[in-house]
Amino acid sequence: DSGETRARRLASRRCFIVDPIDGTRAFLKGEETWGHALAVCEGGEIRAGVMFLPARGVVYAAALGGGATMDGAPMAHSGRTEIRGADALVTQAGMRPERWIDGPPPVNRHFRASLAYRLCLVAEGRFDASISVGGVWEWDAAAGDLILAEAGAAVSDAAGARPVYNRPEPRLAGLIAAAPGVHGAILARLAPGG
């Protein structure tokens, strides 16, 4: 954003964080796994989030303290407690051995182009984790972050800290989202600076 726009955004206590097409590659290929992500941020914390997949007619939503839903039905993470054999959404680059202590975690790797959708799939319990070890733009993560948290999943940056939004540089240091029993195991294996 321009200097003037950034100054206004940072001076506002509340702002919208929007990704009009999350999963651009999927959209361009004519796939159905792209969507519109919208989050309301107040004081660095996401207060409400929605991910709408128009090609599938699916809406994921959450409000802080109000739980997470898919098409109005409550959602919860998978409940998995073991990392070995967990189904994780992660890029091939994210599994490069140098990013991990003693090599990549023993997970079954899957991928979807839209980060917000990947986060919602973990919130829905269809996958056990979403691992993004590189920088992540706020607009890719904000809505899914709250949806995950309200579904009871653990969400942090790659260093284990809770993400803070509407920062001067709108980029997070990775995003690790998983069932609580898997989240810590992923962080423990991640090399510093992963």
Protein backbone atom coordinates (compact mmCIF):
# COMPACT_ATOMS: atom_id res chain seq x y z
CA ASP A 1 0.00 0.00 0.00
CA SER A 2 1.09 3.61 -0.54
CA GLY A 3 2.63 5.59 2.31
CA GLU A 4 -0.57 7.59 2.82
CA THR A 5 -2.79 4.50 2.77
CA ARG A 6 -0.46 2.68 5.17
CA ALA A 7 -0.48 5.64 7.59
CA ARG A 8 -4.30 5.72 7.61
CA ARG A 9 -4.50 1.94 8.06
CA LEU A 10 -2.04 1.94 10.96
CA ALA A 11 -3.77 4.89 12.64
CA SER A 12 -7.12 3.08 12.60
CA ARG A 13 -8.02 0.93 15.58
CA ARG A 14 -10.27 -1.20 13.36
CA CYS A 15 -9.74 -2.21 9.73
CA PHE A 16 -10.79 -4.79 7.16
CA ILE A 17 -8.24 -7.28 5.85
CA VAL A 18 -9.46 -8.55 2.48
CA ASP A 19 -8.19 -11.01 -0.08
CA PRO A 20 -10.55 -10.73 -3.08
CA ILE A 21 -9.20 -13.93 -4.67
CA ASP A 22 -7.34 -16.22 -2.30
CA GLY A 23 -5.98 -19.10 -4.37
CA THR A 24 -5.32 -17.14 -7.56
CA ARG A 25 -3.63 -20.12 -9.25
CA ALA A 26 -6.68 -22.32 -8.59
CA PHE A 27 -8.95 -19.54 -9.92
CA LEU A 28 -6.87 -19.20 -13.12
CA LYS A 29 -6.94 -22.98 -13.66
CA GLY A 30 -10.74 -23.05 -13.33
CA GLU A 31 -10.61 -25.06 -10.10
CA GLU A 32 -13.14 -24.64 -7.29
CA THR A 33 -10.75 -24.20 -4.35
CA TRP A 34 -10.39 -20.41 -4.41
CA GLY A 35 -12.39 -17.91 -2.46
CA HIS A 36 -12.98 -14.50 -0.99
CA ALA A 37 -11.48 -13.93 2.47
CA LEU A 38 -12.56 -11.08 4.74
CA ALA A 39 -11.50 -10.33 8.30
CA VAL A 40 -12.23 -7.53 10.74
CA CYS A 41 -9.17 -6.56 12.76
CA GLU A 42 -9.27 -4.47 15.93
CA GLY A 43 -6.15 -3.59 17.89
CA GLY A 44 -4.09 -6.21 16.05
CA GLU A 45 -6.57 -9.02 16.80
CA ILE A 46 -8.99 -10.59 14.34
CA ARG A 47 -12.56 -10.17 15.63
CA ALA A 48 -14.53 -11.71 12.74
CA GLY A 49 -13.62 -13.71 9.65
CA VAL A 50 -15.35 -15.19 6.63
CA MET A 51 -14.07 -17.38 3.79
CA PHE A 52 -16.51 -17.83 0.89
CA LEU A 53 -15.85 -20.37 -1.87
CA PRO A 54 -18.29 -19.24 -4.60
CA ALA A 55 -17.62 -22.16 -6.96
CA ARG A 56 -18.58 -24.56 -4.18
CA GLY A 57 -21.18 -22.38 -2.46
CA VAL A 58 -19.47 -22.89 0.92
CA VAL A 59 -19.12 -20.29 3.66
CA TYR A 60 -16.75 -20.65 6.61
CA ALA A 61 -17.21 -18.04 9.35
CA ALA A 62 -16.23 -17.12 12.88
CA ALA A 63 -16.63 -14.32 15.39
CA LEU A 64 -14.31 -13.96 18.35
CA GLY A 65 -15.78 -16.02 21.20
CA GLY A 66 -18.60 -17.32 19.01
CA GLY A 67 -17.17 -20.53 17.55
CA ALA A 68 -16.57 -21.44 13.92
CA THR A 69 -19.08 -22.64 11.35
CA MET A 70 -19.28 -24.07 7.86
CA ASP A 71 -22.56 -23.13 6.21
CA GLY A 72 -23.92 -22.39 9.68
CA ALA A 73 -22.98 -25.76 11.24
CA PRO A 74 -20.40 -25.77 14.07
CA MET A 75 -16.90 -27.02 13.25
CA ALA A 76 -14.03 -28.45 15.30
CA HIS A 77 -10.45 -29.51 14.52
CA SER A 78 -9.59 -33.19 13.99
CA GLY A 79 -8.51 -33.86 17.58
CA ARG A 80 -5.41 -35.71 16.40
CA THR A 81 -2.65 -35.97 19.01
CA GLU A 82 0.20 -37.66 17.08
CA ILE A 83 2.30 -36.03 14.38
CA ARG A 84 3.29 -39.32 12.73
CA GLY A 85 0.82 -39.97 9.93
CA ALA A 86 -0.98 -36.63 10.35
CA ASP A 87 -2.54 -35.21 7.18
CA ALA A 88 -0.86 -31.83 6.65
CA LEU A 89 -1.45 -29.16 4.02
CA VAL A 90 2.01 -27.88 3.08
CA THR A 91 3.93 -26.87 -0.03
CA GLN A 92 6.81 -28.96 -1.39
CA ALA A 93 9.17 -26.10 -0.50
CA GLY A 94 7.85 -26.20 3.06
CA MET A 95 9.05 -29.78 3.39
CA ARG A 96 12.65 -29.12 2.31
CA PRO A 97 14.90 -30.98 4.79
CA GLU A 98 16.93 -27.89 5.74
CA ARG A 99 13.79 -26.27 7.18
CA TRP A 100 13.49 -29.01 9.80
CA ILE A 101 15.51 -30.45 12.66
CA ASP A 102 16.29 -34.07 11.71
CA GLY A 103 14.35 -33.78 8.45
CA PRO A 104 10.71 -33.07 7.61
CA PRO A 105 8.00 -34.22 10.02
CA PRO A 106 6.46 -37.67 9.37
CA VAL A 107 3.21 -36.35 7.91
CA ASN A 108 1.18 -37.15 4.81
CA ARG A 109 1.63 -34.06 2.60
CA HIS A 110 -1.34 -32.55 0.78
CA PHE A 111 -1.80 -29.19 -0.92
CA ARG A 112 -4.49 -26.66 -1.88
CA ALA A 113 -3.63 -23.36 -3.60
CA SER A 114 -5.63 -21.10 -1.27
CA LEU A 115 -4.05 -20.59 2.15
CA ALA A 116 -7.31 -19.38 3.68
CA TYR A 117 -9.04 -22.52 2.39
CA ARG A 118 -6.25 -24.72 3.79
CA LEU A 119 -6.78 -23.12 7.19
CA CYS A 120 -10.54 -23.71 6.96
CA LEU A 121 -9.98 -27.37 6.05
CA VAL A 122 -7.99 -27.79 9.28
CA ALA A 123 -10.74 -25.97 11.22
CA GLU A 124 -13.26 -28.36 9.64
CA GLY A 125 -11.23 -31.36 10.84
CA ARG A 126 -10.60 -32.74 7.33
CA PHE A 127 -6.85 -32.20 7.77
CA ASP A 128 -4.73 -32.17 10.92
CA ALA A 129 -2.40 -29.27 10.10
CA SER A 130 -1.52 -26.47 7.72
CA ILE A 131 2.17 -25.59 7.64
CA SER A 132 3.46 -22.37 6.06
CA VAL A 133 7.09 -21.80 7.02
CA GLY A 134 7.89 -18.83 4.75
CA GLY A 135 6.48 -15.33 5.01
CA VAL A 136 2.67 -15.17 4.84
CA TRP A 137 0.70 -12.09 3.82
CA GLU A 138 -1.87 -10.98 6.39
CA TRP A 139 -4.70 -11.04 3.85
CA ASP A 140 -4.00 -14.72 3.16
CA ALA A 141 -4.16 -15.67 6.83
CA ALA A 142 -6.40 -13.31 8.80
CA ALA A 143 -9.87 -14.80 8.21
CA GLY A 144 -8.67 -18.41 8.41
CA ASP A 145 -6.68 -17.68 11.58
CA LEU A 146 -9.80 -16.77 13.56
CA ILE A 147 -11.87 -19.57 12.00
CA LEU A 148 -9.18 -22.03 13.11
CA ALA A 149 -8.86 -20.60 16.61
CA GLU A 150 -12.63 -20.64 17.09
CA ALA A 151 -12.67 -24.30 15.96
CA GLY A 152 -10.25 -25.00 18.84
CA ALA A 153 -7.09 -25.40 16.73
CA ALA A 154 -3.74 -23.96 17.75
CA VAL A 155 -2.43 -21.14 15.53
CA SER A 156 0.97 -19.43 15.68
CA ASP A 157 3.71 -18.02 13.52
CA ALA A 158 6.73 -20.24 12.83
CA ALA A 159 8.35 -19.09 16.09
CA GLY A 160 5.32 -20.14 18.15
CA ALA A 161 3.96 -16.60 18.78
CA ARG A 162 0.32 -15.63 18.29
CA PRO A 163 0.03 -13.58 15.05
CA VAL A 164 -0.63 -9.86 15.35
CA TYR A 165 -2.36 -8.15 12.43
CA ASN A 166 -2.42 -4.71 10.81
CA ARG A 167 1.33 -4.33 11.15
CA PRO A 168 3.45 -1.83 9.19
CA GLU A 169 4.76 -4.69 7.02
CA PRO A 170 1.66 -6.89 6.57
CA ARG A 171 3.62 -10.14 6.54
CA LEU A 172 3.67 -12.88 9.17
CA ALA A 173 6.71 -15.03 9.95
CA GLY A 174 5.02 -18.20 8.73
CA LEU A 175 1.82 -19.76 10.01
CA ILE A 176 1.51 -23.10 11.78
CA ALA A 177 -2.07 -24.23 12.35
CA ALA A 178 -3.00 -27.63 13.70
CA ALA A 179 -4.92 -29.70 16.17
CA PRO A 180 -3.33 -28.76 19.53
CA GLY A 181 -1.68 -32.17 19.97
CA VAL A 182 0.09 -31.84 16.62
CA HIS A 183 0.92 -28.12 16.73
CA GLY A 184 3.64 -28.36 19.39
CA ALA A 185 5.26 -31.33 17.66
CA ILE A 186 5.50 -29.36 14.41
CA LEU A 187 7.07 -26.37 16.16
CA ALA A 188 9.54 -28.61 18.00
CA ARG A 189 10.85 -29.98 14.69
CA LEU A 190 11.01 -26.66 12.83
CA ALA A 191 14.56 -25.36 12.38
CA PRO A 192 15.21 -21.80 13.65
CA GLY A 193 14.38 -19.42 10.81
CA GLY A 194 12.72 -22.40 9.03
